[in-house]
Amino acid sequence: MKPQYHKVGLLSQLVEKGPAMMVRMGDGAFDTGFVVLFQNTPYAYRNRCPHSGNNLDWKTGEVFDDDGEFLICATHGAVFDPKNGKCVNGPCVNQSLIPISLKLSDGEIYLYF
């Protein structure tokens, strides 16, 4: 199937620094993405750590650290900047999460996959 924008939810469903909106992007166990709200802006990434290839969340949608300032990989503790996905601490420093193109329209969230 050719990539296109898919409606995945509403901006109003996101909570600042709260649980991520998880999005199934394919048939495989690791074909998921997530959307988070950070500083009133939504960001979307593939749910895959660049170091281990594992999903970031330890529990569905739990991707923020305890302070809600960084995204964190539950497997190896890699820490990522929510605004750009860049690893700032841990085993994959200077690598990044894979961003997913996101657009908003009338409060609806669309991801490109």
PDB file of N, CA and C in Angstrom:
ATOM      1  N   MET A   1       0.838  -1.175   0.000  1.00  0.00           N
ATOM      2  CA  MET A   1       0.000   0.000   0.000  1.00  0.00           C
ATOM      3  C   MET A   1       0.888   1.246   0.000  1.00  0.00           C
ATOM      4  N   LYS A   2       0.523   2.207  -0.793  1.00  0.00           N
ATOM      5  CA  LYS A   2       1.265   3.451  -0.896  1.00  0.00           C
ATOM      6  C   LYS A   2       1.063   4.275   0.384  1.00  0.00           C
ATOM      7  N   PRO A   3       2.156   4.849   0.939  1.00  0.00           N
ATOM      8  CA  PRO A   3       2.000   5.678   2.138  1.00  0.00           C
ATOM      9  C   PRO A   3       1.060   6.852   1.889  1.00  0.00           C
ATOM     10  N   GLN A   4       0.295   7.167   2.904  1.00  0.00           N
ATOM     11  CA  GLN A   4      -0.635   8.295   2.836  1.00  0.00           C
ATOM     12  C   GLN A   4      -0.930   8.757   4.259  1.00  0.00           C
ATOM     13  N   TYR A   5      -1.618   9.870   4.388  1.00  0.00           N
ATOM     14  CA  TYR A   5      -2.010  10.352   5.710  1.00  0.00           C
ATOM     15  C   TYR A   5      -3.234   9.568   6.194  1.00  0.00           C
ATOM     16  N   HIS A   6      -3.176   9.146   7.460  1.00  0.00           N
ATOM     17  CA  HIS A   6      -4.264   8.414   8.102  1.00  0.00           C
ATOM     18  C   HIS A   6      -4.713   9.180   9.337  1.00  0.00           C
ATOM     19  N   LYS A   7      -6.013   9.342   9.494  1.00  0.00           N
ATOM     20  CA  LYS A   7      -6.532   9.955  10.715  1.00  0.00           C
ATOM     21  C   LYS A   7      -6.320   8.951  11.851  1.00  0.00           C
ATOM     22  N   VAL A   8      -5.665   9.406  12.938  1.00  0.00           N
ATOM     23  CA  VAL A   8      -5.365   8.488  14.041  1.00  0.00           C
ATOM     24  C   VAL A   8      -6.036   8.883  15.355  1.00  0.00           C
ATOM     25  N   GLY A   9      -6.592  10.082  15.423  1.00  0.00           N
ATOM     26  CA  GLY A   9      -7.257  10.505  16.654  1.00  0.00           C
ATOM     27  C   GLY A   9      -7.442  11.997  16.703  1.00  0.00           C
ATOM     28  N   LEU A  10      -7.801  12.459  17.875  1.00  0.00           N
ATOM     29  CA  LEU A  10      -8.066  13.880  18.090  1.00  0.00           C
ATOM     30  C   LEU A  10      -7.000  14.484  18.990  1.00  0.00           C
ATOM     31  N   LEU A  11      -6.626  15.709  18.695  1.00  0.00           N
ATOM     32  CA  LEU A  11      -5.670  16.417  19.533  1.00  0.00           C
ATOM     33  C   LEU A  11      -6.156  16.477  20.985  1.00  0.00           C
ATOM     34  N   SER A  12      -7.455  16.600  21.175  1.00  0.00           N
ATOM     35  CA  SER A  12      -8.030  16.681  22.517  1.00  0.00           C
ATOM     36  C   SER A  12      -7.846  15.401  23.326  1.00  0.00           C
ATOM     37  N   GLN A  13      -7.476  14.289  22.664  1.00  0.00           N
ATOM     38  CA  GLN A  13      -7.229  13.027  23.364  1.00  0.00           C
ATOM     39  C   GLN A  13      -5.859  12.997  24.041  1.00  0.00           C
ATOM     40  N   LEU A  14      -4.964  13.880  23.625  1.00  0.00           N
ATOM     41  CA  LEU A  14      -3.621  13.906  24.184  1.00  0.00           C
ATOM     42  C   LEU A  14      -3.566  14.743  25.451  1.00  0.00           C
ATOM     43  N   VAL A  15      -2.749  14.294  26.395  1.00  0.00           N
ATOM     44  CA  VAL A  15      -2.529  15.008  27.647  1.00  0.00           C
ATOM     45  C   VAL A  15      -1.075  15.447  27.678  1.00  0.00           C
ATOM     46  N   GLU A  16      -0.838  16.710  27.990  1.00  0.00           N
ATOM     47  CA  GLU A  16       0.526  17.241  28.080  1.00  0.00           C
ATOM     48  C   GLU A  16       1.390  16.331  28.942  1.00  0.00           C
ATOM     49  N   LYS A  17       2.487  15.829  28.345  1.00  0.00           N
ATOM     50  CA  LYS A  17       3.449  14.948  29.023  1.00  0.00           C
ATOM     51  C   LYS A  17       2.805  13.680  29.577  1.00  0.00           C
ATOM     52  N   GLY A  18       1.652  13.327  29.029  1.00  0.00           N
ATOM     53  CA  GLY A  18       0.918  12.153  29.507  1.00  0.00           C
ATOM     54  C   GLY A  18       1.144  10.948  28.619  1.00  0.00           C
ATOM     55  N   PRO A  19       0.288   9.964  28.756  1.00  0.00           N
ATOM     56  CA  PRO A  19       0.429   8.750  27.941  1.00  0.00           C
ATOM     57  C   PRO A  19       0.377   9.066  26.448  1.00  0.00           C
ATOM     58  N   ALA A  20       1.147   8.316  25.691  1.00  0.00           N
ATOM     59  CA  ALA A  20       1.173   8.488  24.241  1.00  0.00           C
ATOM     60  C   ALA A  20      -0.053   7.856  23.605  1.00  0.00           C
ATOM     61  N   MET A  21      -0.450   8.416  22.485  1.00  0.00           N
ATOM     62  CA  MET A  21      -1.467   7.800  21.640  1.00  0.00           C
ATOM     63  C   MET A  21      -0.722   6.785  20.777  1.00  0.00           C
ATOM     64  N   MET A  22      -1.022   5.524  20.958  1.00  0.00           N
ATOM     65  CA  MET A  22      -0.339   4.477  20.209  1.00  0.00           C
ATOM     66  C   MET A  22      -1.081   4.236  18.896  1.00  0.00           C
ATOM     67  N   VAL A  23      -0.310   4.013  17.827  1.00  0.00           N
ATOM     68  CA  VAL A  23      -0.874   3.869  16.490  1.00  0.00           C
ATOM     69  C   VAL A  23      -0.300   2.626  15.826  1.00  0.00           C
ATOM     70  N   ARG A  24      -1.168   1.715  15.408  1.00  0.00           N
ATOM     71  CA  ARG A  24      -0.755   0.519  14.659  1.00  0.00           C
ATOM     72  C   ARG A  24      -0.507   0.965  13.225  1.00  0.00           C
ATOM     73  N   MET A  25       0.698   0.678  12.727  1.00  0.00           N
ATOM     74  CA  MET A  25       1.072   1.125  11.395  1.00  0.00           C
ATOM     75  C   MET A  25       1.265  -0.026  10.418  1.00  0.00           C
ATOM     76  N   GLY A  26       1.096  -1.237  10.879  1.00  0.00           N
ATOM     77  CA  GLY A  26       1.282  -2.404  10.028  1.00  0.00           C
ATOM     78  C   GLY A  26       0.858  -3.654  10.775  1.00  0.00           C
ATOM     79  N   ASP A  27       1.307  -4.797  10.280  1.00  0.00           N
ATOM     80  CA  ASP A  27       0.901  -6.073  10.857  1.00  0.00           C
ATOM     81  C   ASP A  27       1.860  -6.620  11.904  1.00  0.00           C
ATOM     82  N   GLY A  28       3.116  -6.179  11.906  1.00  0.00           N
ATOM     83  CA  GLY A  28       4.107  -6.730  12.820  1.00  0.00           C
ATOM     84  C   GLY A  28       4.016  -6.152  14.221  1.00  0.00           C
ATOM     85  N   ALA A  29       4.619  -6.849  15.163  1.00  0.00           N
ATOM     86  CA  ALA A  29       4.593  -6.429  16.575  1.00  0.00           C
ATOM     87  C   ALA A  29       5.274  -5.078  16.774  1.00  0.00           C
ATOM     88  N   PHE A  30       6.248  -4.752  15.934  1.00  0.00           N
ATOM     89  CA  PHE A  30       6.983  -3.504  16.101  1.00  0.00           C
ATOM     90  C   PHE A  30       6.553  -2.425  15.112  1.00  0.00           C
ATOM     91  N   ASP A  31       5.471  -2.661  14.390  1.00  0.00           N
ATOM     92  CA  ASP A  31       4.982  -1.685  13.429  1.00  0.00           C
ATOM     93  C   ASP A  31       3.999  -0.728  14.099  1.00  0.00           C
ATOM     94  N   THR A  32       4.494  -0.038  15.112  1.00  0.00           N
ATOM     95  CA  THR A  32       3.655   0.932  15.806  1.00  0.00           C
ATOM     96  C   THR A  32       4.381   2.264  15.872  1.00  0.00           C
ATOM     97  N   GLY A  33       3.592   3.278  16.049  1.00  0.00           N
ATOM     98  CA  GLY A  33       4.108   4.607  16.273  1.00  0.00           C
ATOM     99  C   GLY A  33       3.378   5.193  17.461  1.00  0.00           C
ATOM    100  N   PHE A  34       3.784   6.385  17.843  1.00  0.00           N
ATOM    101  CA  PHE A  34       3.086   7.052  18.941  1.00  0.00           C
ATOM    102  C   PHE A  34       3.100   8.556  18.737  1.00  0.00           C
ATOM    103  N   VAL A  35       2.118   9.192  19.358  1.00  0.00           N
ATOM    104  CA  VAL A  35       2.008  10.647  19.336  1.00  0.00           C
ATOM    105  C   VAL A  35       1.981  11.104  20.788  1.00  0.00           C
ATOM    106  N   VAL A  36       2.790  12.115  21.101  1.00  0.00           N
ATOM    107  CA  VAL A  36       2.793  12.703  22.436  1.00  0.00           C
ATOM    108  C   VAL A  36       2.547  14.195  22.322  1.00  0.00           C
ATOM    109  N   LEU A  37       2.112  14.785  23.419  1.00  0.00           N
ATOM    110  CA  LEU A  37       1.935  16.227  23.499  1.00  0.00           C
ATOM    111  C   LEU A  37       2.979  16.765  24.464  1.00  0.00           C
ATOM    112  N   PHE A  38       3.829  17.663  23.964  1.00  0.00           N
ATOM    113  CA  PHE A  38       4.897  18.246  24.771  1.00  0.00           C
ATOM    114  C   PHE A  38       4.970  19.734  24.468  1.00  0.00           C
ATOM    115  N   GLN A  39       4.850  20.543  25.502  1.00  0.00           N
ATOM    116  CA  GLN A  39       4.828  22.003  25.354  1.00  0.00           C
ATOM    117  C   GLN A  39       3.771  22.428  24.336  1.00  0.00           C
ATOM    118  N   ASN A  40       2.603  21.826  24.484  1.00  0.00           N
ATOM    119  CA  ASN A  40       1.421  22.121  23.658  1.00  0.00           C
ATOM    120  C   ASN A  40       1.590  21.820  22.173  1.00  0.00           C
ATOM    121  N   THR A  41       2.545  20.978  21.839  1.00  0.00           N
ATOM    122  CA  THR A  41       2.783  20.613  20.450  1.00  0.00           C
ATOM    123  C   THR A  41       2.796  19.086  20.336  1.00  0.00           C
ATOM    124  N   PRO A  42       2.083  18.522  19.363  1.00  0.00           N
ATOM    125  CA  PRO A  42       2.134  17.065  19.174  1.00  0.00           C
ATOM    126  C   PRO A  42       3.368  16.653  18.366  1.00  0.00           C
ATOM    127  N   TYR A  43       3.956  15.547  18.763  1.00  0.00           N
ATOM    128  CA  TYR A  43       5.101  14.971  18.066  1.00  0.00           C
ATOM    129  C   TYR A  43       4.816  13.489  17.853  1.00  0.00           C
ATOM    130  N   ALA A  44       5.267  12.958  16.719  1.00  0.00           N
ATOM    131  CA  ALA A  44       5.016  11.550  16.404  1.00  0.00           C
ATOM    132  C   ALA A  44       6.318  10.858  16.006  1.00  0.00           C
ATOM    133  N   TYR A  45       6.484   9.632  16.519  1.00  0.00           N
ATOM    134  CA  TYR A  45       7.681   8.840  16.246  1.00  0.00           C
ATOM    135  C   TYR A  45       7.312   7.377  16.082  1.00  0.00           C
ATOM    136  N   ARG A  46       8.188   6.633  15.390  1.00  0.00           N
ATOM    137  CA  ARG A  46       8.070   5.173  15.364  1.00  0.00           C
ATOM    138  C   ARG A  46       8.370   4.689  16.773  1.00  0.00           C
ATOM    139  N   ASN A  47       7.691   3.674  17.206  1.00  0.00           N
ATOM    140  CA  ASN A  47       7.891   3.132  18.545  1.00  0.00           C
ATOM    141  C   ASN A  47       9.028   2.114  18.509  1.00  0.00           C
ATOM    142  N   ARG A  48      10.240   2.629  18.271  1.00  0.00           N
ATOM    143  CA  ARG A  48      11.397   1.755  18.120  1.00  0.00           C
ATOM    144  C   ARG A  48      12.649   2.492  18.582  1.00  0.00           C
ATOM    145  N   CYS A  49      13.344   1.928  19.557  1.00  0.00           N
ATOM    146  CA  CYS A  49      14.595   2.503  20.045  1.00  0.00           C
ATOM    147  C   CYS A  49      15.694   2.272  19.001  1.00  0.00           C
ATOM    148  N   PRO A  50      16.476   3.314  18.653  1.00  0.00           N
ATOM    149  CA  PRO A  50      17.533   3.115  17.660  1.00  0.00           C
ATOM    150  C   PRO A  50      18.660   2.211  18.173  1.00  0.00           C
ATOM    151  N   HIS A  51      18.781   2.046  19.476  1.00  0.00           N
ATOM    152  CA  HIS A  51      19.834   1.199  20.042  1.00  0.00           C
ATOM    153  C   HIS A  51      19.458  -0.279  19.997  1.00  0.00           C
ATOM    154  N   SER A  52      18.286  -0.591  20.516  1.00  0.00           N
ATOM    155  CA  SER A  52      17.923  -1.998  20.675  1.00  0.00           C
ATOM    156  C   SER A  52      16.897  -2.498  19.659  1.00  0.00           C
ATOM    157  N   GLY A  53      16.168  -1.581  19.042  1.00  0.00           N
ATOM    158  CA  GLY A  53      15.095  -1.974  18.139  1.00  0.00           C
ATOM    159  C   GLY A  53      13.809  -2.331  18.866  1.00  0.00           C
ATOM    160  N   ASN A  54      13.841  -2.297  20.203  1.00  0.00           N
ATOM    161  CA  ASN A  54      12.644  -2.594  21.004  1.00  0.00           C
ATOM    162  C   ASN A  54      11.695  -1.410  21.047  1.00  0.00           C
ATOM    163  N   ASN A  55      10.453  -1.692  21.398  1.00  0.00           N
ATOM    164  CA  ASN A  55       9.498  -0.609  21.640  1.00  0.00           C
ATOM    165  C   ASN A  55       9.982   0.220  22.820  1.00  0.00           C
ATOM    166  N   LEU A  56       9.676   1.514  22.805  1.00  0.00           N
ATOM    167  CA  LEU A  56      10.064   2.384  23.917  1.00  0.00           C
ATOM    168  C   LEU A  56       9.224   2.129  25.159  1.00  0.00           C
ATOM    169  N   ASP A  57       7.928   1.948  24.979  1.00  0.00           N
ATOM    170  CA  ASP A  57       7.024   1.894  26.134  1.00  0.00           C
ATOM    171  C   ASP A  57       7.150   0.590  26.911  1.00  0.00           C
ATOM    172  N   TRP A  58       7.195   0.710  28.229  1.00  0.00           N
ATOM    173  CA  TRP A  58       7.237  -0.455  29.117  1.00  0.00           C
ATOM    174  C   TRP A  58       5.832  -0.939  29.412  1.00  0.00           C
ATOM    175  N   LYS A  59       4.905  -0.044  29.321  1.00  0.00           N
ATOM    176  CA  LYS A  59       3.479  -0.308  29.477  1.00  0.00           C
ATOM    177  C   LYS A  59       2.833   0.520  28.377  1.00  0.00           C
ATOM    178  N   THR A  60       1.819   0.026  27.736  1.00  0.00           N
ATOM    179  CA  THR A  60       1.245   0.694  26.575  1.00  0.00           C
ATOM    180  C   THR A  60       1.070   2.193  26.804  1.00  0.00           C
ATOM    181  N   GLY A  61       1.748   2.976  25.954  1.00  0.00           N
ATOM    182  CA  GLY A  61       1.628   4.430  25.989  1.00  0.00           C
ATOM    183  C   GLY A  61       2.532   5.139  26.974  1.00  0.00           C
ATOM    184  N   GLU A  62       3.254   4.409  27.808  1.00  0.00           N
ATOM    185  CA  GLU A  62       4.137   5.034  28.802  1.00  0.00           C
ATOM    186  C   GLU A  62       5.517   5.243  28.193  1.00  0.00           C
ATOM    187  N   VAL A  63       5.769   6.450  27.678  1.00  0.00           N
ATOM    188  CA  VAL A  63       7.042   6.748  27.029  1.00  0.00           C
ATOM    189  C   VAL A  63       7.801   7.899  27.685  1.00  0.00           C
ATOM    190  N   PHE A  64       7.144   8.656  28.560  1.00  0.00           N
ATOM    191  CA  PHE A  64       7.824   9.763  29.233  1.00  0.00           C
ATOM    192  C   PHE A  64       8.529   9.271  30.491  1.00  0.00           C
ATOM    193  N   ASP A  65       9.610   9.974  30.873  1.00  0.00           N
ATOM    194  CA  ASP A  65      10.261   9.691  32.147  1.00  0.00           C
ATOM    195  C   ASP A  65       9.367  10.193  33.283  1.00  0.00           C
ATOM    196  N   ASP A  66       9.773   9.953  34.515  1.00  0.00           N
ATOM    197  CA  ASP A  66       8.943  10.314  35.670  1.00  0.00           C
ATOM    198  C   ASP A  66       8.632  11.805  35.754  1.00  0.00           C
ATOM    199  N   ASP A  67       9.536  12.653  35.248  1.00  0.00           N
ATOM    200  CA  ASP A  67       9.335  14.100  35.293  1.00  0.00           C
ATOM    201  C   ASP A  67       8.570  14.634  34.091  1.00  0.00           C
ATOM    202  N   GLY A  68       8.351  13.798  33.100  1.00  0.00           N
ATOM    203  CA  GLY A  68       7.634  14.228  31.901  1.00  0.00           C
ATOM    204  C   GLY A  68       8.437  15.163  31.022  1.00  0.00           C
ATOM    205  N   GLU A  69       9.761  15.127  31.147  1.00  0.00           N
ATOM    206  CA  GLU A  69      10.608  16.027  30.362  1.00  0.00           C
ATOM    207  C   GLU A  69      11.273  15.345  29.173  1.00  0.00           C
ATOM    208  N   PHE A  70      11.429  14.028  29.252  1.00  0.00           N
ATOM    209  CA  PHE A  70      12.100  13.283  28.193  1.00  0.00           C
ATOM    210  C   PHE A  70      11.335  11.998  27.891  1.00  0.00           C
ATOM    211  N   LEU A  71      11.518  11.502  26.665  1.00  0.00           N
ATOM    212  CA  LEU A  71      11.035  10.180  26.302  1.00  0.00           C
ATOM    213  C   LEU A  71      12.124   9.203  26.720  1.00  0.00           C
ATOM    214  N   ILE A  72      11.729   8.014  27.158  1.00  0.00           N
ATOM    215  CA  ILE A  72      12.719   7.062  27.658  1.00  0.00           C
ATOM    216  C   ILE A  72      12.409   5.656  27.160  1.00  0.00           C
ATOM    217  N   CYS A  73      13.471   4.932  26.811  1.00  0.00           N
ATOM    218  CA  CYS A  73      13.330   3.540  26.390  1.00  0.00           C
ATOM    219  C   CYS A  73      13.295   2.663  27.632  1.00  0.00           C
ATOM    220  N   ALA A  74      12.261   1.883  27.763  1.00  0.00           N
ATOM    221  CA  ALA A  74      12.101   1.020  28.936  1.00  0.00           C
ATOM    222  C   ALA A  74      13.142  -0.095  28.986  1.00  0.00           C
ATOM    223  N   THR A  75      13.704  -0.468  27.860  1.00  0.00           N
ATOM    224  CA  THR A  75      14.640  -1.589  27.826  1.00  0.00           C
ATOM    225  C   THR A  75      16.036  -1.219  28.318  1.00  0.00           C
ATOM    226  N   HIS A  76      16.607  -0.139  27.799  1.00  0.00           N
ATOM    227  CA  HIS A  76      17.978   0.218  28.144  1.00  0.00           C
ATOM    228  C   HIS A  76      18.122   1.613  28.738  1.00  0.00           C
ATOM    229  N   GLY A  77      17.020   2.320  28.932  1.00  0.00           N
ATOM    230  CA  GLY A  77      17.079   3.631  29.576  1.00  0.00           C
ATOM    231  C   GLY A  77      17.583   4.761  28.702  1.00  0.00           C
ATOM    232  N   ALA A  78      17.641   4.576  27.397  1.00  0.00           N
ATOM    233  CA  ALA A  78      18.032   5.673  26.517  1.00  0.00           C
ATOM    234  C   ALA A  78      17.018   6.809  26.674  1.00  0.00           C
ATOM    235  N   VAL A  79      17.515   8.050  26.661  1.00  0.00           N
ATOM    236  CA  VAL A  79      16.689   9.228  26.918  1.00  0.00           C
ATOM    237  C   VAL A  79      16.670  10.102  25.660  1.00  0.00           C
ATOM    238  N   PHE A  80      15.456  10.523  25.256  1.00  0.00           N
ATOM    239  CA  PHE A  80      15.272  11.258  24.008  1.00  0.00           C
ATOM    240  C   PHE A  80      14.569  12.589  24.241  1.00  0.00           C
ATOM    241  N   ASP A  81      14.963  13.605  23.474  1.00  0.00           N
ATOM    242  CA  ASP A  81      14.297  14.906  23.497  1.00  0.00           C
ATOM    243  C   ASP A  81      12.958  14.755  22.772  1.00  0.00           C
ATOM    244  N   PRO A  82      11.840  15.074  23.427  1.00  0.00           N
ATOM    245  CA  PRO A  82      10.526  14.898  22.783  1.00  0.00           C
ATOM    246  C   PRO A  82      10.324  15.786  21.556  1.00  0.00           C
ATOM    247  N   LYS A  83      11.061  16.900  21.459  1.00  0.00           N
ATOM    248  CA  LYS A  83      10.857  17.841  20.357  1.00  0.00           C
ATOM    249  C   LYS A  83      11.528  17.423  19.059  1.00  0.00           C
ATOM    250  N   ASN A  84      12.586  16.604  19.150  1.00  0.00           N
ATOM    251  CA  ASN A  84      13.270  16.217  17.913  1.00  0.00           C
ATOM    252  C   ASN A  84      13.652  14.737  17.863  1.00  0.00           C
ATOM    253  N   GLY A  85      13.404  13.999  18.942  1.00  0.00           N
ATOM    254  CA  GLY A  85      13.680  12.572  18.974  1.00  0.00           C
ATOM    255  C   GLY A  85      15.138  12.211  19.167  1.00  0.00           C
ATOM    256  N   LYS A  86      16.020  13.192  19.339  1.00  0.00           N
ATOM    257  CA  LYS A  86      17.447  12.927  19.469  1.00  0.00           C
ATOM    258  C   LYS A  86      17.759  12.318  20.829  1.00  0.00           C
ATOM    259  N   CYS A  87      18.576  11.264  20.825  1.00  0.00           N
ATOM    260  CA  CYS A  87      19.003  10.627  22.068  1.00  0.00           C
ATOM    261  C   CYS A  87      20.015  11.545  22.757  1.00  0.00           C
ATOM    262  N   VAL A  88      19.722  11.924  23.995  1.00  0.00           N
ATOM    263  CA  VAL A  88      20.578  12.846  24.740  1.00  0.00           C
ATOM    264  C   VAL A  88      21.340  12.152  25.869  1.00  0.00           C
ATOM    265  N   ASN A  89      20.988  10.891  26.151  1.00  0.00           N
ATOM    266  CA  ASN A  89      21.685  10.152  27.185  1.00  0.00           C
ATOM    267  C   ASN A  89      21.387   8.656  27.005  1.00  0.00           C
ATOM    268  N   GLY A  90      22.402   7.843  27.247  1.00  0.00           N
ATOM    269  CA  GLY A  90      22.212   6.405  27.138  1.00  0.00           C
ATOM    270  C   GLY A  90      23.029   5.805  26.014  1.00  0.00           C
ATOM    271  N   PRO A  91      22.731   4.572  25.660  1.00  0.00           N
ATOM    272  CA  PRO A  91      23.568   3.834  24.719  1.00  0.00           C
ATOM    273  C   PRO A  91      23.469   4.274  23.260  1.00  0.00           C
ATOM    274  N   CYS A  92      22.591   5.183  22.936  1.00  0.00           N
ATOM    275  CA  CYS A  92      22.464   5.596  21.532  1.00  0.00           C
ATOM    276  C   CYS A  92      22.596   7.113  21.366  1.00  0.00           C
ATOM    277  N   VAL A  93      23.442   7.746  22.197  1.00  0.00           N
ATOM    278  CA  VAL A  93      23.644   9.196  22.116  1.00  0.00           C
ATOM    279  C   VAL A  93      23.946   9.593  20.679  1.00  0.00           C
ATOM    280  N   ASN A  94      23.308  10.668  20.245  1.00  0.00           N
ATOM    281  CA  ASN A  94      23.428  11.255  18.903  1.00  0.00           C
ATOM    282  C   ASN A  94      22.678  10.485  17.825  1.00  0.00           C
ATOM    283  N   GLN A  95      22.023   9.382  18.175  1.00  0.00           N
ATOM    284  CA  GLN A  95      21.091   8.753  17.243  1.00  0.00           C
ATOM    285  C   GLN A  95      19.719   9.343  17.549  1.00  0.00           C
ATOM    286  N   SER A  96      18.726   9.028  16.749  1.00  0.00           N
ATOM    287  CA  SER A  96      17.403   9.611  16.936  1.00  0.00           C
ATOM    288  C   SER A  96      16.293   8.607  16.697  1.00  0.00           C
ATOM    289  N   LEU A  97      15.170   8.893  17.307  1.00  0.00           N
ATOM    290  CA  LEU A  97      13.945   8.180  16.977  1.00  0.00           C
ATOM    291  C   LEU A  97      13.564   8.546  15.552  1.00  0.00           C
ATOM    292  N   ILE A  98      12.807   7.696  14.899  1.00  0.00           N
ATOM    293  CA  ILE A  98      12.361   7.983  13.534  1.00  0.00           C
ATOM    294  C   ILE A  98      11.065   8.780  13.612  1.00  0.00           C
ATOM    295  N   PRO A  99      11.090  10.025  13.117  1.00  0.00           N
ATOM    296  CA  PRO A  99       9.869  10.827  13.165  1.00  0.00           C
ATOM    297  C   PRO A  99       8.840  10.346  12.153  1.00  0.00           C
ATOM    298  N   ILE A 100       7.584  10.606  12.461  1.00  0.00           N
ATOM    299  CA  ILE A 100       6.484  10.334  11.541  1.00  0.00           C
ATOM    300  C   ILE A 100       5.862  11.679  11.205  1.00  0.00           C
ATOM    301  N   SER A 101       5.683  11.932   9.929  1.00  0.00           N
ATOM    302  CA  SER A 101       5.070  13.188   9.506  1.00  0.00           C
ATOM    303  C   SER A 101       3.664  13.282  10.081  1.00  0.00           C
ATOM    304  N   LEU A 102       3.373  14.423  10.691  1.00  0.00           N
ATOM    305  CA  LEU A 102       2.101  14.651  11.369  1.00  0.00           C
ATOM    306  C   LEU A 102       1.495  15.937  10.847  1.00  0.00           C
ATOM    307  N   LYS A 103       0.195  15.916  10.661  1.00  0.00           N
ATOM    308  CA  LYS A 103      -0.505  17.160  10.338  1.00  0.00           C
ATOM    309  C   LYS A 103      -1.798  17.202  11.144  1.00  0.00           C
ATOM    310  N   LEU A 104      -2.229  18.424  11.438  1.00  0.00           N
ATOM    311  CA  LEU A 104      -3.473  18.662  12.160  1.00  0.00           C
ATOM    312  C   LEU A 104      -4.470  19.329  11.236  1.00  0.00           C
ATOM    313  N   SER A 105      -5.729  18.940  11.369  1.00  0.00           N
ATOM    314  CA  SER A 105      -6.798  19.572  10.606  1.00  0.00           C
ATOM    315  C   SER A 105      -8.056  19.552  11.460  1.00  0.00           C
ATOM    316  N   ASP A 106      -8.517  20.720  11.843  1.00  0.00           N
ATOM    317  CA  ASP A 106      -9.733  20.841  12.662  1.00  0.00           C
ATOM    318  C   ASP A 106      -9.676  19.967  13.921  1.00  0.00           C
ATOM    319  N   GLY A 107      -8.516  19.960  14.562  1.00  0.00           N
ATOM    320  CA  GLY A 107      -8.365  19.209  15.802  1.00  0.00           C
ATOM    321  C   GLY A 107      -8.154  17.718  15.625  1.00  0.00           C
ATOM    322  N   GLU A 108      -8.046  17.257  14.376  1.00  0.00           N
ATOM    323  CA  GLU A 108      -7.804  15.839  14.102  1.00  0.00           C
ATOM    324  C   GLU A 108      -6.331  15.637  13.764  1.00  0.00           C
ATOM    325  N   ILE A 109      -5.780  14.509  14.229  1.00  0.00           N
ATOM    326  CA  ILE A 109      -4.377  14.186  13.998  1.00  0.00           C
ATOM    327  C   ILE A 109      -4.275  13.187  12.849  1.00  0.00           C
ATOM    328  N   TYR A 110      -3.405  13.495  11.906  1.00  0.00           N
ATOM    329  CA  TYR A 110      -3.131  12.615  10.766  1.00  0.00           C
ATOM    330  C   TYR A 110      -1.652  12.282  10.752  1.00  0.00           C
ATOM    331  N   LEU A 111      -1.326  11.002  10.559  1.00  0.00           N
ATOM    332  CA  LEU A 111       0.054  10.558  10.430  1.00  0.00           C
ATOM    333  C   LEU A 111       0.257   9.961   9.049  1.00  0.00           C
ATOM    334  N   TYR A 112       1.466  10.148   8.526  1.00  0.00           N
ATOM    335  CA  TYR A 112       1.818   9.664   7.201  1.00  0.00           C
ATOM    336  C   TYR A 112       2.565   8.334   7.311  1.00  0.00           C
ATOM    337  N   PHE A 113       1.922   7.281   6.856  1.00  0.00           N
ATOM    338  CA  PHE A 113       2.585   5.966   6.805  1.00  0.00           C
ATOM    339  C   PHE A 113       1.915   5.105   5.752  1.00  0.00           C
TER     340      PHE A 113
END
